[in-house]
Amino acid sequence: MDYEREFSKDNVNHPAHYNTGRYECIDVMREALGTEVVKDFCLGNAFKYIYRCKRKNGLEDVEKARWYLEKFLELEREDNA
């Protein structure tokens, strides 16, 4: 039985457009848009979270900024390997 095909046929309980949950959005972005675009996205998101941290979510926003900076560094290191 082709589980993915059977699973995606249920348009009420398991519609195919929700079956992307096993893929990280950022990885799909990288595949679709390229690494350079995703690196720029990471820097932009880090900036956004730092910019708003004192007015919105405080430490949580700083942690999100750090995540995006670490993702940028990971991608940069892969490019330079």
N, C-alpha and C. Protein backbone atom coordinates (compact mmCIF):
# COMPACT_ATOMS: atom_id res chain seq x y z
N MET A 1 0.84 -1.18 0.00
CA MET A 1 0.00 0.00 0.00
C MET A 1 0.88 1.24 0.00
N ASP A 2 0.60 2.19 -0.88
CA ASP A 2 1.31 3.45 -0.91
C ASP A 2 0.67 4.38 0.11
N TYR A 3 1.23 4.43 1.30
CA TYR A 3 0.64 5.14 2.42
C TYR A 3 0.42 6.61 2.10
N GLU A 4 1.42 7.29 1.51
CA GLU A 4 1.29 8.72 1.23
C GLU A 4 0.15 8.98 0.26
N ARG A 5 0.01 8.16 -0.77
CA ARG A 5 -1.06 8.36 -1.73
C ARG A 5 -2.42 8.13 -1.07
N GLU A 6 -2.54 7.08 -0.25
CA GLU A 6 -3.81 6.81 0.44
C GLU A 6 -4.13 7.93 1.44
N PHE A 7 -3.12 8.40 2.14
CA PHE A 7 -3.30 9.45 3.14
C PHE A 7 -3.77 10.74 2.48
N SER A 8 -3.23 11.08 1.32
CA SER A 8 -3.55 12.35 0.69
C SER A 8 -4.91 12.34 0.00
N LYS A 9 -5.54 11.16 -0.14
CA LYS A 9 -6.85 11.09 -0.79
C LYS A 9 -7.96 11.60 0.12
N ASP A 10 -7.76 11.66 1.40
CA ASP A 10 -8.78 12.08 2.35
C ASP A 10 -8.81 13.60 2.42
N ASN A 11 -9.63 14.21 1.59
CA ASN A 11 -9.68 15.67 1.53
C ASN A 11 -10.47 16.31 2.66
N VAL A 12 -11.07 15.48 3.52
CA VAL A 12 -11.81 16.03 4.65
C VAL A 12 -10.93 16.02 5.90
N ASN A 13 -10.41 14.84 6.24
CA ASN A 13 -9.63 14.70 7.48
C ASN A 13 -8.13 14.92 7.29
N HIS A 14 -7.62 14.64 6.12
CA HIS A 14 -6.18 14.75 5.86
C HIS A 14 -5.94 15.33 4.46
N PRO A 15 -6.33 16.57 4.21
CA PRO A 15 -6.14 17.12 2.86
C PRO A 15 -4.66 17.20 2.51
N ALA A 16 -4.36 16.99 1.26
CA ALA A 16 -2.98 16.94 0.78
C ALA A 16 -2.22 18.23 1.11
N HIS A 17 -2.91 19.37 1.09
CA HIS A 17 -2.20 20.63 1.33
C HIS A 17 -1.75 20.80 2.78
N TYR A 18 -2.11 19.92 3.66
CA TYR A 18 -1.59 19.94 5.03
C TYR A 18 -0.49 18.91 5.25
N ASN A 19 -0.17 18.14 4.26
CA ASN A 19 0.81 17.06 4.43
C ASN A 19 2.25 17.52 4.36
N THR A 20 2.50 18.81 4.43
CA THR A 20 3.87 19.30 4.41
C THR A 20 4.46 19.39 5.81
N GLY A 21 3.73 18.98 6.82
CA GLY A 21 4.16 19.10 8.20
C GLY A 21 5.45 18.39 8.53
N ARG A 22 5.88 17.48 7.72
CA ARG A 22 7.13 16.78 8.03
C ARG A 22 8.34 17.50 7.48
N TYR A 23 8.13 18.57 6.76
CA TYR A 23 9.23 19.35 6.20
C TYR A 23 9.31 20.69 6.91
N GLU A 24 10.52 21.10 7.25
CA GLU A 24 10.72 22.41 7.82
C GLU A 24 10.52 23.45 6.73
N CYS A 25 9.77 24.47 7.02
CA CYS A 25 9.49 25.52 6.04
C CYS A 25 10.79 26.12 5.49
N ILE A 26 11.74 26.35 6.35
CA ILE A 26 12.98 26.99 5.91
C ILE A 26 13.74 26.09 4.93
N ASP A 27 13.64 24.78 5.09
CA ASP A 27 14.29 23.86 4.16
C ASP A 27 13.58 23.87 2.81
N VAL A 28 12.27 23.97 2.84
CA VAL A 28 11.50 24.08 1.59
C VAL A 28 11.84 25.40 0.90
N MET A 29 11.95 26.46 1.68
CA MET A 29 12.34 27.76 1.11
C MET A 29 13.71 27.67 0.43
N ARG A 30 14.63 27.00 1.09
CA ARG A 30 15.98 26.86 0.53
C ARG A 30 15.94 26.11 -0.79
N GLU A 31 15.17 25.05 -0.83
CA GLU A 31 15.05 24.26 -2.05
C GLU A 31 14.40 25.07 -3.17
N ALA A 32 13.37 25.83 -2.82
CA ALA A 32 12.61 26.57 -3.83
C ALA A 32 13.28 27.87 -4.25
N LEU A 33 13.88 28.57 -3.29
CA LEU A 33 14.37 29.92 -3.55
C LEU A 33 15.89 30.05 -3.60
N GLY A 34 16.57 29.06 -3.05
CA GLY A 34 18.03 29.09 -3.04
C GLY A 34 18.59 29.53 -1.70
N THR A 35 19.81 29.15 -1.46
CA THR A 35 20.47 29.40 -0.18
C THR A 35 20.67 30.88 0.08
N GLU A 36 21.07 31.65 -0.92
CA GLU A 36 21.33 33.08 -0.70
C GLU A 36 20.08 33.81 -0.25
N VAL A 37 18.95 33.49 -0.84
CA VAL A 37 17.69 34.13 -0.44
C VAL A 37 17.37 33.77 1.01
N VAL A 38 17.56 32.53 1.38
CA VAL A 38 17.25 32.10 2.74
C VAL A 38 18.21 32.75 3.73
N LYS A 39 19.48 32.90 3.36
CA LYS A 39 20.42 33.59 4.25
C LYS A 39 19.99 35.03 4.48
N ASP A 40 19.57 35.71 3.42
CA ASP A 40 19.07 37.08 3.57
C ASP A 40 17.81 37.11 4.44
N PHE A 41 16.94 36.14 4.24
CA PHE A 41 15.72 36.02 5.05
C PHE A 41 16.09 35.86 6.52
N CYS A 42 17.07 35.03 6.80
CA CYS A 42 17.49 34.81 8.18
C CYS A 42 18.01 36.10 8.81
N LEU A 43 18.82 36.85 8.08
CA LEU A 43 19.33 38.12 8.61
C LEU A 43 18.19 39.11 8.83
N GLY A 44 17.26 39.16 7.89
CA GLY A 44 16.12 40.06 8.04
C GLY A 44 15.25 39.71 9.23
N ASN A 45 14.99 38.43 9.42
CA ASN A 45 14.19 38.01 10.56
C ASN A 45 14.91 38.27 11.87
N ALA A 46 16.22 38.03 11.92
CA ALA A 46 16.98 38.32 13.13
C ALA A 46 16.86 39.81 13.47
N PHE A 47 17.02 40.67 12.48
CA PHE A 47 16.88 42.10 12.69
C PHE A 47 15.50 42.45 13.24
N LYS A 48 14.47 41.88 12.63
CA LYS A 48 13.09 42.14 13.06
C LYS A 48 12.89 41.77 14.52
N TYR A 49 13.35 40.59 14.91
CA TYR A 49 13.14 40.15 16.28
C TYR A 49 13.92 40.99 17.28
N ILE A 50 15.13 41.39 16.94
CA ILE A 50 15.91 42.25 17.83
C ILE A 50 15.25 43.63 17.93
N TYR A 51 14.81 44.15 16.80
CA TYR A 51 14.19 45.48 16.76
C TYR A 51 12.96 45.58 17.66
N ARG A 52 12.17 44.53 17.71
CA ARG A 52 10.92 44.61 18.45
C ARG A 52 10.98 44.01 19.85
N CYS A 53 12.08 43.41 20.23
CA CYS A 53 12.13 42.61 21.46
C CYS A 53 11.70 43.38 22.71
N LYS A 54 12.05 44.64 22.82
CA LYS A 54 11.70 45.39 24.04
C LYS A 54 10.25 45.84 24.05
N ARG A 55 9.60 45.77 22.91
CA ARG A 55 8.21 46.21 22.83
C ARG A 55 7.23 45.05 22.68
N LYS A 56 7.75 43.84 22.48
CA LYS A 56 6.81 42.74 22.24
C LYS A 56 7.11 41.55 23.15
N ASN A 57 7.98 40.65 22.73
CA ASN A 57 8.14 39.38 23.45
C ASN A 57 9.45 39.24 24.21
N GLY A 58 10.20 40.29 24.35
CA GLY A 58 11.40 40.27 25.18
C GLY A 58 12.38 39.16 24.82
N LEU A 59 12.73 38.37 25.81
CA LEU A 59 13.72 37.32 25.66
C LEU A 59 13.37 36.33 24.56
N GLU A 60 12.10 36.02 24.42
CA GLU A 60 11.68 35.08 23.36
C GLU A 60 12.09 35.61 21.98
N ASP A 61 11.91 36.91 21.76
CA ASP A 61 12.31 37.48 20.47
C ASP A 61 13.83 37.43 20.29
N VAL A 62 14.57 37.65 21.35
CA VAL A 62 16.04 37.56 21.26
C VAL A 62 16.45 36.13 20.93
N GLU A 63 15.79 35.17 21.52
CA GLU A 63 16.08 33.76 21.22
C GLU A 63 15.74 33.42 19.78
N LYS A 64 14.64 33.97 19.26
CA LYS A 64 14.30 33.75 17.86
C LYS A 64 15.34 34.39 16.95
N ALA A 65 15.78 35.58 17.31
CA ALA A 65 16.84 36.25 16.53
C ALA A 65 18.10 35.39 16.51
N ARG A 66 18.44 34.85 17.66
CA ARG A 66 19.62 33.99 17.73
C ARG A 66 19.45 32.76 16.85
N TRP A 67 18.25 32.17 16.84
CA TRP A 67 18.00 31.00 15.99
C TRP A 67 18.27 31.34 14.53
N TYR A 68 17.75 32.48 14.09
CA TYR A 68 17.94 32.87 12.69
C TYR A 68 19.40 33.19 12.40
N LEU A 69 20.11 33.79 13.34
CA LEU A 69 21.54 34.05 13.13
C LEU A 69 22.32 32.74 13.07
N GLU A 70 21.96 31.79 13.92
CA GLU A 70 22.64 30.49 13.88
C GLU A 70 22.34 29.76 12.57
N LYS A 71 21.11 29.88 12.09
CA LYS A 71 20.77 29.26 10.80
C LYS A 71 21.56 29.91 9.68
N PHE A 72 21.69 31.24 9.72
CA PHE A 72 22.51 31.94 8.73
C PHE A 72 23.94 31.40 8.76
N LEU A 73 24.52 31.30 9.95
CA LEU A 73 25.89 30.81 10.06
C LEU A 73 26.03 29.38 9.55
N GLU A 74 25.07 28.54 9.85
CA GLU A 74 25.07 27.16 9.35
C GLU A 74 25.10 27.14 7.82
N LEU A 75 24.24 27.93 7.21
CA LEU A 75 24.19 27.98 5.73
C LEU A 75 25.47 28.57 5.16
N GLU A 76 26.00 29.58 5.81
CA GLU A 76 27.24 30.22 5.36
C GLU A 76 28.41 29.22 5.42
N ARG A 77 28.46 28.47 6.50
CA ARG A 77 29.53 27.46 6.64
C ARG A 77 29.41 26.37 5.58
N GLU A 78 28.18 25.96 5.29
CA GLU A 78 27.97 24.96 4.23
C GLU A 78 28.45 25.50 2.89
N ASP A 79 28.16 26.76 2.61
CA ASP A 79 28.60 27.36 1.35
C ASP A 79 30.11 27.42 1.24
N ASN A 80 30.78 27.59 2.37
CA ASN A 80 32.24 27.74 2.37
C ASN A 80 32.98 26.43 2.56
N ALA A 81 32.25 25.35 2.75
CA ALA A 81 32.90 24.03 2.98
C ALA A 81 33.40 23.45 1.68
